[in-house]
Amino acid sequence: TLAEIGRVYRDSGMLIDPHTATGTAAARRSRSNGATVCLSTAHPAKFPDAVEKATGIRPELPPELGDLMERTERISDLPADLAAVSDFVRGVSRVSR
């Protein structure tokens, strides 16, 4: 997991959390010929020690996430179906129009 966090950072400049790293590693190793979407599951600053160990950078929570550790955890179980995932993302996204 730490190796994947480091690889993603070196390759893209993005900091990712350990759970997302598990997903990106699985996606990278997949033998699928189709496109793969990997949704990040947490802000990297939720796991500052792991991210710092993997990248040398200690992420900080942005001000709007200052109460992150006190928030209620939300979990959504989705089927492996593009339409279902698309509908879910549209439903929870706050997009400016």
C-alpha atoms as a PDB file:
ATOM      1  CA  THR A   1       0.000   0.000   0.000  1.00  0.00           C
ATOM      2  CA  LEU A   2       2.778   2.445   0.869  1.00  0.00           C
ATOM      3  CA  ALA A   3       4.557   1.559  -2.371  1.00  0.00           C
ATOM      4  CA  GLU A   4       1.377   2.314  -4.333  1.00  0.00           C
ATOM      5  CA  ILE A   5       0.893   5.661  -2.568  1.00  0.00           C
ATOM      6  CA  GLY A   6       4.473   6.530  -3.506  1.00  0.00           C
ATOM      7  CA  ARG A   7       4.078   5.317  -7.102  1.00  0.00           C
ATOM      8  CA  VAL A   8       0.917   7.344  -7.666  1.00  0.00           C
ATOM      9  CA  TYR A   9       2.587  10.433  -6.224  1.00  0.00           C
ATOM     10  CA  ARG A  10       5.722  10.008  -8.361  1.00  0.00           C
ATOM     11  CA  ASP A  11       3.709   9.322 -11.523  1.00  0.00           C
ATOM     12  CA  SER A  12       0.971  11.928 -11.121  1.00  0.00           C
ATOM     13  CA  GLY A  13       1.802  14.301  -8.274  1.00  0.00           C
ATOM     14  CA  MET A  14      -1.409  13.229  -6.500  1.00  0.00           C
ATOM     15  CA  LEU A  15      -1.472  12.260  -2.850  1.00  0.00           C
ATOM     16  CA  ILE A  16      -3.851   9.383  -2.150  1.00  0.00           C
ATOM     17  CA  ASP A  17      -4.984   7.610   1.007  1.00  0.00           C
ATOM     18  CA  PRO A  18      -4.205   3.939   1.782  1.00  0.00           C
ATOM     19  CA  HIS A  19      -7.698   2.701   0.863  1.00  0.00           C
ATOM     20  CA  THR A  20      -7.567   4.442  -2.499  1.00  0.00           C
ATOM     21  CA  ALA A  21      -4.073   3.008  -3.025  1.00  0.00           C
ATOM     22  CA  THR A  22      -5.514  -0.482  -2.661  1.00  0.00           C
ATOM     23  CA  GLY A  23      -8.015   0.336  -5.408  1.00  0.00           C
ATOM     24  CA  THR A  24      -5.480   1.913  -7.767  1.00  0.00           C
ATOM     25  CA  ALA A  25      -3.121  -1.044  -7.327  1.00  0.00           C
ATOM     26  CA  ALA A  26      -5.925  -3.491  -8.119  1.00  0.00           C
ATOM     27  CA  ALA A  27      -6.967  -1.434 -11.141  1.00  0.00           C
ATOM     28  CA  ARG A  28      -3.399  -1.281 -12.416  1.00  0.00           C
ATOM     29  CA  ARG A  29      -2.995  -5.050 -12.070  1.00  0.00           C
ATOM     30  CA  SER A  30      -6.347  -5.783 -13.689  1.00  0.00           C
ATOM     31  CA  ARG A  31      -6.243  -7.547 -17.009  1.00  0.00           C
ATOM     32  CA  SER A  32      -9.276  -5.616 -18.215  1.00  0.00           C
ATOM     33  CA  ASN A  33      -9.026  -4.016 -21.632  1.00  0.00           C
ATOM     34  CA  GLY A  34     -11.686  -1.467 -20.744  1.00  0.00           C
ATOM     35  CA  ALA A  35     -11.410   1.837 -18.955  1.00  0.00           C
ATOM     36  CA  THR A  36     -11.205   1.725 -15.172  1.00  0.00           C
ATOM     37  CA  VAL A  37     -12.532   4.327 -12.763  1.00  0.00           C
ATOM     38  CA  CYS A  38     -11.108   4.463  -9.255  1.00  0.00           C
ATOM     39  CA  LEU A  39     -12.932   6.729  -6.833  1.00  0.00           C
ATOM     40  CA  SER A  40     -10.919   8.079  -3.935  1.00  0.00           C
ATOM     41  CA  THR A  41     -12.320   7.026  -0.607  1.00  0.00           C
ATOM     42  CA  ALA A  42     -10.758   9.508   1.814  1.00  0.00           C
ATOM     43  CA  HIS A  43      -8.640  12.638   1.995  1.00  0.00           C
ATOM     44  CA  PRO A  44      -4.944  11.712   2.315  1.00  0.00           C
ATOM     45  CA  ALA A  45      -4.711  13.858   5.465  1.00  0.00           C
ATOM     46  CA  LYS A  46      -6.946  11.345   7.240  1.00  0.00           C
ATOM     47  CA  PHE A  47      -3.864   9.071   7.173  1.00  0.00           C
ATOM     48  CA  PRO A  48      -0.973  11.558   7.493  1.00  0.00           C
ATOM     49  CA  ASP A  49       1.585   9.089   8.890  1.00  0.00           C
ATOM     50  CA  ALA A  50       1.148   6.601   6.039  1.00  0.00           C
ATOM     51  CA  VAL A  51       1.183   9.260   3.323  1.00  0.00           C
ATOM     52  CA  GLU A  52       4.265  10.918   4.814  1.00  0.00           C
ATOM     53  CA  LYS A  53       6.073   7.582   5.073  1.00  0.00           C
ATOM     54  CA  ALA A  54       5.315   6.833   1.409  1.00  0.00           C
ATOM     55  CA  THR A  55       5.989  10.281  -0.077  1.00  0.00           C
ATOM     56  CA  GLY A  56       7.898  12.405   2.416  1.00  0.00           C
ATOM     57  CA  ILE A  57       4.964  14.831   2.408  1.00  0.00           C
ATOM     58  CA  ARG A  58       2.681  15.208   5.423  1.00  0.00           C
ATOM     59  CA  PRO A  59      -0.737  16.186   4.081  1.00  0.00           C
ATOM     60  CA  GLU A  60      -2.813  18.714   5.978  1.00  0.00           C
ATOM     61  CA  LEU A  61      -6.569  18.901   6.079  1.00  0.00           C
ATOM     62  CA  PRO A  62      -8.005  21.870   4.205  1.00  0.00           C
ATOM     63  CA  PRO A  63     -10.026  24.207   6.457  1.00  0.00           C
ATOM     64  CA  GLU A  64     -13.364  22.903   5.157  1.00  0.00           C
ATOM     65  CA  LEU A  65     -12.438  19.415   6.423  1.00  0.00           C
ATOM     66  CA  GLY A  66     -11.250  20.549   9.851  1.00  0.00           C
ATOM     67  CA  ASP A  67     -13.958  18.505  11.577  1.00  0.00           C
ATOM     68  CA  LEU A  68     -13.379  15.398   9.437  1.00  0.00           C
ATOM     69  CA  MET A  69     -12.513  13.077  12.305  1.00  0.00           C
ATOM     70  CA  GLU A  70     -15.735  14.006  14.128  1.00  0.00           C
ATOM     71  CA  ARG A  71     -18.035  13.442  11.137  1.00  0.00           C
ATOM     72  CA  THR A  72     -20.284  10.419  10.797  1.00  0.00           C
ATOM     73  CA  GLU A  73     -18.830   7.864   8.398  1.00  0.00           C
ATOM     74  CA  ARG A  74     -20.938   7.245   5.295  1.00  0.00           C
ATOM     75  CA  ILE A  75     -20.678   3.995   3.360  1.00  0.00           C
ATOM     76  CA  SER A  76     -22.360   3.211   0.041  1.00  0.00           C
ATOM     77  CA  ASP A  77     -22.402  -0.301  -1.394  1.00  0.00           C
ATOM     78  CA  LEU A  78     -22.803  -0.120  -5.174  1.00  0.00           C
ATOM     79  CA  PRO A  79     -23.184  -2.847  -7.772  1.00  0.00           C
ATOM     80  CA  ALA A  80     -20.437  -3.283 -10.370  1.00  0.00           C
ATOM     81  CA  ASP A  81     -22.535  -1.414 -12.902  1.00  0.00           C
ATOM     82  CA  LEU A  82     -21.523   1.766 -14.748  1.00  0.00           C
ATOM     83  CA  ALA A  83     -25.022   3.258 -14.732  1.00  0.00           C
ATOM     84  CA  ALA A  84     -25.400   2.688 -10.992  1.00  0.00           C
ATOM     85  CA  VAL A  85     -22.019   4.259 -10.229  1.00  0.00           C
ATOM     86  CA  SER A  86     -22.720   7.201 -12.565  1.00  0.00           C
ATOM     87  CA  ASP A  87     -26.101   7.815 -10.951  1.00  0.00           C
ATOM     88  CA  PHE A  88     -24.557   7.645  -7.485  1.00  0.00           C
ATOM     89  CA  VAL A  89     -21.759  10.098  -8.330  1.00  0.00           C
ATOM     90  CA  ARG A  90     -24.242  12.520  -9.901  1.00  0.00           C
ATOM     91  CA  GLY A  91     -26.459  12.254  -6.841  1.00  0.00           C
ATOM     92  CA  VAL A  92     -23.755  13.045  -4.296  1.00  0.00           C
ATOM     93  CA  SER A  93     -21.711  15.539  -6.324  1.00  0.00           C
ATOM     94  CA  ARG A  94     -21.952  19.239  -5.730  1.00  0.00           C
ATOM     95  CA  VAL A  95     -21.332  20.607  -9.188  1.00  0.00           C
ATOM     96  CA  SER A  96     -21.546  24.325  -9.924  1.00  0.00           C
ATOM     97  CA  ARG A  97     -23.568  25.086 -13.003  1.00  0.00           C
END
